[in-house]
Amino acid sequence: MIAMQGYYNGTVCIPEEGEKLKLNQKVIITALDEIIVPKMRRLGTLEGKGTVSFSEDWELSDEEMIK
């Protein structure tokens, strides 16, 4: 058995770590008193859905930048 956090969006329960679940896997849903306010994203952005990092030796020339 695994445990994970999530939230109810008014229609369905959304797990925060959905990749751990298998299709049609049974779940036990326990409602907690804490209310999570989901972070609103601007339309068309991936803000909050991933991270970007650069290695220490990463470089980009001016010519590559304006392409």
C-alpha atoms as a PDB file:
ATOM      1  CA  MET A   1       0.000   0.000   0.000  1.00  0.00           C
ATOM      2  CA  ILE A   2       1.286   3.492  -0.843  1.00  0.00           C
ATOM      3  CA  ALA A   3       0.194   6.867   0.518  1.00  0.00           C
ATOM      4  CA  MET A   4       0.217  10.159  -1.365  1.00  0.00           C
ATOM      5  CA  GLN A   5      -1.273  13.610  -1.123  1.00  0.00           C
ATOM      6  CA  GLY A   6      -3.747  15.191  -3.507  1.00  0.00           C
ATOM      7  CA  TYR A   7      -6.807  17.447  -3.573  1.00  0.00           C
ATOM      8  CA  TYR A   8     -10.475  17.462  -4.611  1.00  0.00           C
ATOM      9  CA  ASN A   9     -11.192  19.918  -7.465  1.00  0.00           C
ATOM     10  CA  GLY A  10     -14.976  19.912  -7.062  1.00  0.00           C
ATOM     11  CA  THR A  11     -15.449  16.946  -9.385  1.00  0.00           C
ATOM     12  CA  VAL A  12     -12.665  14.419  -8.856  1.00  0.00           C
ATOM     13  CA  CYS A  13      -9.745  13.748  -6.513  1.00  0.00           C
ATOM     14  CA  ILE A  14      -6.412  14.743  -8.102  1.00  0.00           C
ATOM     15  CA  PRO A  15      -3.283  12.977  -6.784  1.00  0.00           C
ATOM     16  CA  GLU A  16      -0.146  15.117  -6.652  1.00  0.00           C
ATOM     17  CA  GLU A  17       1.985  12.096  -7.590  1.00  0.00           C
ATOM     18  CA  GLY A  18      -0.211  10.310 -10.148  1.00  0.00           C
ATOM     19  CA  GLU A  19       2.627   8.378 -11.763  1.00  0.00           C
ATOM     20  CA  LYS A  20       2.646   6.043  -8.755  1.00  0.00           C
ATOM     21  CA  LEU A  21      -0.875   4.768  -9.519  1.00  0.00           C
ATOM     22  CA  LYS A  22      -1.790   2.056 -11.977  1.00  0.00           C
ATOM     23  CA  LEU A  23      -4.868   2.155 -14.212  1.00  0.00           C
ATOM     24  CA  ASN A  24      -7.935   0.778 -12.376  1.00  0.00           C
ATOM     25  CA  GLN A  25      -5.993   0.428  -9.110  1.00  0.00           C
ATOM     26  CA  LYS A  26      -8.258   0.538  -6.039  1.00  0.00           C
ATOM     27  CA  VAL A  27      -7.736   3.494  -3.714  1.00  0.00           C
ATOM     28  CA  ILE A  28      -8.865   4.577  -0.260  1.00  0.00           C
ATOM     29  CA  ILE A  29      -9.727   8.273  -0.083  1.00  0.00           C
ATOM     30  CA  THR A  30      -9.527  10.012   3.299  1.00  0.00           C
ATOM     31  CA  ALA A  31     -10.633  13.649   3.506  1.00  0.00           C
ATOM     32  CA  LEU A  32      -8.459  15.850   5.739  1.00  0.00           C
ATOM     33  CA  ASP A  33      -9.402  19.174   7.316  1.00  0.00           C
ATOM     34  CA  GLU A  34      -6.600  21.038   5.488  1.00  0.00           C
ATOM     35  CA  ILE A  35      -7.655  22.893   2.317  1.00  0.00           C
ATOM     36  CA  ILE A  36      -5.098  23.237  -0.487  1.00  0.00           C
ATOM     37  CA  VAL A  37      -5.448  26.203  -2.840  1.00  0.00           C
ATOM     38  CA  PRO A  38      -3.993  25.130  -6.209  1.00  0.00           C
ATOM     39  CA  LYS A  39      -1.557  27.605  -7.758  1.00  0.00           C
ATOM     40  CA  MET A  40      -3.159  29.260 -10.776  1.00  0.00           C
ATOM     41  CA  ARG A  41      -1.042  29.250 -13.952  1.00  0.00           C
ATOM     42  CA  ARG A  42      -1.134  31.684 -16.814  1.00  0.00           C
ATOM     43  CA  LEU A  43      -2.728  30.218 -19.929  1.00  0.00           C
ATOM     44  CA  GLY A  44      -0.155  28.479 -22.110  1.00  0.00           C
ATOM     45  CA  THR A  45       2.604  28.254 -19.504  1.00  0.00           C
ATOM     46  CA  LEU A  46       4.150  25.260 -17.819  1.00  0.00           C
ATOM     47  CA  GLU A  47       4.838  27.179 -14.628  1.00  0.00           C
ATOM     48  CA  GLY A  48       4.945  24.816 -11.678  1.00  0.00           C
ATOM     49  CA  LYS A  49       4.987  21.714 -13.897  1.00  0.00           C
ATOM     50  CA  GLY A  50       8.740  21.313 -14.232  1.00  0.00           C
ATOM     51  CA  THR A  51      12.124  22.750 -13.434  1.00  0.00           C
ATOM     52  CA  VAL A  52      14.872  24.145 -15.617  1.00  0.00           C
ATOM     53  CA  SER A  53      18.507  23.956 -14.655  1.00  0.00           C
ATOM     54  CA  PHE A  54      21.735  24.636 -16.493  1.00  0.00           C
ATOM     55  CA  SER A  55      25.019  22.828 -16.041  1.00  0.00           C
ATOM     56  CA  GLU A  56      28.033  24.780 -14.852  1.00  0.00           C
ATOM     57  CA  ASP A  57      29.691  24.632 -18.300  1.00  0.00           C
ATOM     58  CA  TRP A  58      26.581  25.639 -20.279  1.00  0.00           C
ATOM     59  CA  GLU A  59      27.120  28.448 -22.787  1.00  0.00           C
ATOM     60  CA  LEU A  60      25.091  30.130 -25.534  1.00  0.00           C
ATOM     61  CA  SER A  61      26.577  32.513 -28.084  1.00  0.00           C
ATOM     62  CA  ASP A  62      24.842  35.715 -29.169  1.00  0.00           C
ATOM     63  CA  GLU A  63      24.281  34.203 -32.622  1.00  0.00           C
ATOM     64  CA  GLU A  64      22.553  31.147 -31.155  1.00  0.00           C
ATOM     65  CA  MET A  65      20.464  33.372 -28.899  1.00  0.00           C
ATOM     66  CA  ILE A  66      18.904  35.348 -31.782  1.00  0.00           C
ATOM     67  CA  LYS A  67      18.037  32.316 -33.937  1.00  0.00           C
END
